[in-house]
Amino acid sequence: MHKPYLLLLVLVIFISGCSSYRYVDISELSENPSSYVGQNIKTTGYLVKNEWMPSAVEFVVPKYTLNAYIKIGSGPQIRIPVSGKDLDKSVTAIYNGSAYKLVSNVYVNIYGRMRDMGNVQDTAQYILEINKIEELLVTR
């Protein structure tokens, strides 16, 4: 008599677990990216826009990175491919090829999926495809 309710409860728990995101620190993602391929990941950091590269190169080298520290250019980072999301409003710094320009103190939560690009030249093998971005701290 209670079996249909039990089955429904198990199904709800399974479905909710499939769409959840696991928090992983950027340093862990950058050190062991292959461990998270195909997984839904939540991480936090500072978004940097790379403006030095021509648009034709964006396919090979992602235009955005998520950095662990506000001291841009140091520490762990993850490549973020352009995926139609408006990321510019959440950018902390812009890199012009030789220097970083701080444009805000936006700290973000990024929800996405780790992807293995395979053995490719001139780009990161592992990237984080964004599903959702949340601004946590904004001072412009």
Protein backbone atom coordinates (compact mmCIF):
# COMPACT_ATOMS: atom_id res chain seq x y z
CA MET A 1 0.00 0.00 0.00
CA HIS A 2 2.87 2.43 0.75
CA LYS A 3 5.10 1.27 -2.12
CA PRO A 4 3.95 3.91 -4.66
CA TYR A 5 4.75 6.69 -2.14
CA LEU A 6 8.15 5.19 -1.40
CA LEU A 7 8.93 4.96 -5.12
CA LEU A 8 7.83 8.58 -5.60
CA LEU A 9 10.01 9.71 -2.67
CA VAL A 10 13.05 7.87 -4.08
CA LEU A 11 12.42 9.40 -7.52
CA VAL A 12 12.17 12.95 -6.09
CA ILE A 13 15.41 12.50 -4.12
CA PHE A 14 17.18 11.11 -7.22
CA ILE A 15 16.01 13.96 -9.48
CA SER A 16 16.88 16.67 -6.95
CA GLY A 17 20.32 15.11 -6.45
CA CYS A 18 20.97 15.08 -10.20
CA SER A 19 20.47 18.81 -10.54
CA SER A 20 22.45 19.88 -7.49
CA TYR A 21 25.88 21.51 -7.60
CA ARG A 22 28.87 20.42 -5.55
CA TYR A 23 31.04 23.19 -4.10
CA VAL A 24 34.69 22.85 -5.12
CA ASP A 25 37.39 25.44 -4.41
CA ILE A 26 39.17 26.88 -7.48
CA SER A 27 42.52 25.62 -6.23
CA GLU A 28 41.15 22.07 -6.13
CA LEU A 29 39.60 22.47 -9.60
CA SER A 30 42.86 23.75 -11.07
CA GLU A 31 44.98 21.03 -9.41
CA ASN A 32 42.69 18.08 -10.22
CA PRO A 33 40.36 19.13 -13.04
CA SER A 34 39.98 15.62 -14.47
CA SER A 35 38.36 14.51 -11.20
CA TYR A 36 35.40 16.82 -11.87
CA VAL A 37 34.77 16.34 -15.60
CA GLY A 38 31.05 15.95 -16.28
CA GLN A 39 30.09 17.08 -12.78
CA ASN A 40 27.95 20.05 -11.78
CA ILE A 41 30.28 22.39 -9.89
CA LYS A 42 29.78 25.51 -7.80
CA THR A 43 32.86 27.64 -7.18
CA THR A 44 33.64 31.21 -6.21
CA GLY A 45 36.15 33.77 -7.39
CA TYR A 46 36.93 36.90 -9.37
CA LEU A 47 36.07 37.02 -13.07
CA VAL A 48 38.74 38.38 -15.44
CA LYS A 49 38.09 39.36 -19.06
CA ASN A 50 40.96 38.88 -21.51
CA GLU A 51 40.69 41.69 -24.07
CA TRP A 52 44.03 41.26 -25.81
CA MET A 53 43.03 38.42 -28.09
CA PRO A 54 41.22 38.75 -31.42
CA SER A 55 37.72 37.26 -31.58
CA ALA A 56 38.91 34.49 -33.93
CA VAL A 57 41.12 33.14 -31.14
CA GLU A 58 38.26 32.95 -28.59
CA PHE A 59 37.35 29.50 -29.88
CA VAL A 60 40.79 28.26 -28.86
CA VAL A 61 41.50 30.48 -25.83
CA PRO A 62 38.49 31.31 -23.63
CA LYS A 63 37.88 35.02 -23.16
CA TYR A 64 37.25 34.77 -19.41
CA THR A 65 38.98 33.21 -16.42
CA LEU A 66 37.81 32.80 -12.85
CA ASN A 67 40.62 33.67 -10.44
CA ALA A 68 40.92 32.60 -6.82
CA TYR A 69 42.44 35.86 -5.56
CA ILE A 70 41.78 39.56 -5.97
CA LYS A 71 45.50 39.93 -6.75
CA ILE A 72 44.80 39.25 -10.38
CA GLY A 73 47.37 37.25 -12.31
CA SER A 74 48.41 35.13 -9.35
CA GLY A 75 47.06 31.94 -7.91
CA PRO A 76 44.75 29.27 -9.28
CA GLN A 77 42.35 30.01 -12.12
CA ILE A 78 39.84 28.20 -14.33
CA ARG A 79 39.12 28.99 -17.99
CA ILE A 80 35.54 30.04 -18.81
CA PRO A 81 34.40 29.76 -22.45
CA VAL A 82 32.08 32.41 -23.87
CA SER A 83 28.68 30.79 -23.83
CA GLY A 84 26.23 33.55 -24.67
CA LYS A 85 25.98 34.69 -21.07
CA ASP A 86 26.46 38.38 -20.30
CA LEU A 87 29.54 38.08 -18.11
CA ASP A 88 30.85 41.63 -18.55
CA LYS A 89 28.71 43.00 -15.69
CA SER A 90 30.40 40.56 -13.31
CA VAL A 91 34.00 41.24 -14.37
CA THR A 92 36.50 42.22 -11.67
CA ALA A 93 39.45 43.01 -13.94
CA ILE A 94 40.38 43.35 -17.60
CA TYR A 95 43.64 41.98 -18.97
CA ASN A 96 45.04 43.74 -22.07
CA GLY A 97 47.94 41.39 -22.77
CA SER A 98 50.46 43.09 -20.51
CA ALA A 99 48.60 44.50 -17.48
CA TYR A 100 45.47 44.04 -15.42
CA LYS A 101 43.01 46.89 -14.83
CA LEU A 102 40.76 46.50 -11.78
CA VAL A 103 37.22 47.61 -12.69
CA SER A 104 35.24 46.39 -9.65
CA ASN A 105 35.37 44.18 -6.58
CA VAL A 106 32.75 41.73 -7.81
CA TYR A 107 33.07 38.31 -6.19
CA VAL A 108 30.95 35.65 -7.86
CA ASN A 109 29.45 32.21 -7.42
CA ILE A 110 29.70 30.24 -10.65
CA TYR A 111 27.54 27.20 -11.27
CA GLY A 112 28.68 25.11 -14.20
CA ARG A 113 29.91 21.85 -15.60
CA MET A 114 33.56 20.84 -16.00
CA ARG A 115 34.47 19.86 -19.53
CA ASP A 116 37.50 18.11 -21.00
CA MET A 117 38.44 19.69 -24.35
CA GLY A 118 40.83 16.83 -25.13
CA ASN A 119 44.42 17.22 -26.26
CA VAL A 120 44.38 20.59 -28.01
CA GLN A 121 47.19 23.03 -28.58
CA ASP A 122 47.23 26.62 -27.31
CA THR A 123 44.37 26.29 -24.86
CA ALA A 124 43.41 24.79 -21.55
CA GLN A 125 42.35 21.17 -21.67
CA TYR A 126 39.74 21.71 -18.94
CA ILE A 127 37.13 24.48 -18.87
CA LEU A 128 34.09 25.33 -16.77
CA GLU A 129 30.93 25.89 -18.79
CA ILE A 130 28.68 28.34 -16.95
CA ASN A 131 25.04 27.55 -16.25
CA LYS A 132 24.47 30.36 -13.74
CA ILE A 133 26.42 33.23 -12.19
CA GLU A 134 25.63 35.14 -8.97
CA GLU A 135 27.31 38.32 -7.81
CA LEU A 136 28.14 38.14 -4.09
CA LEU A 137 29.98 41.39 -3.41
CA VAL A 138 29.80 44.44 -5.61
CA THR A 139 31.68 47.70 -5.14
CA ARG A 140 32.34 49.58 -8.33
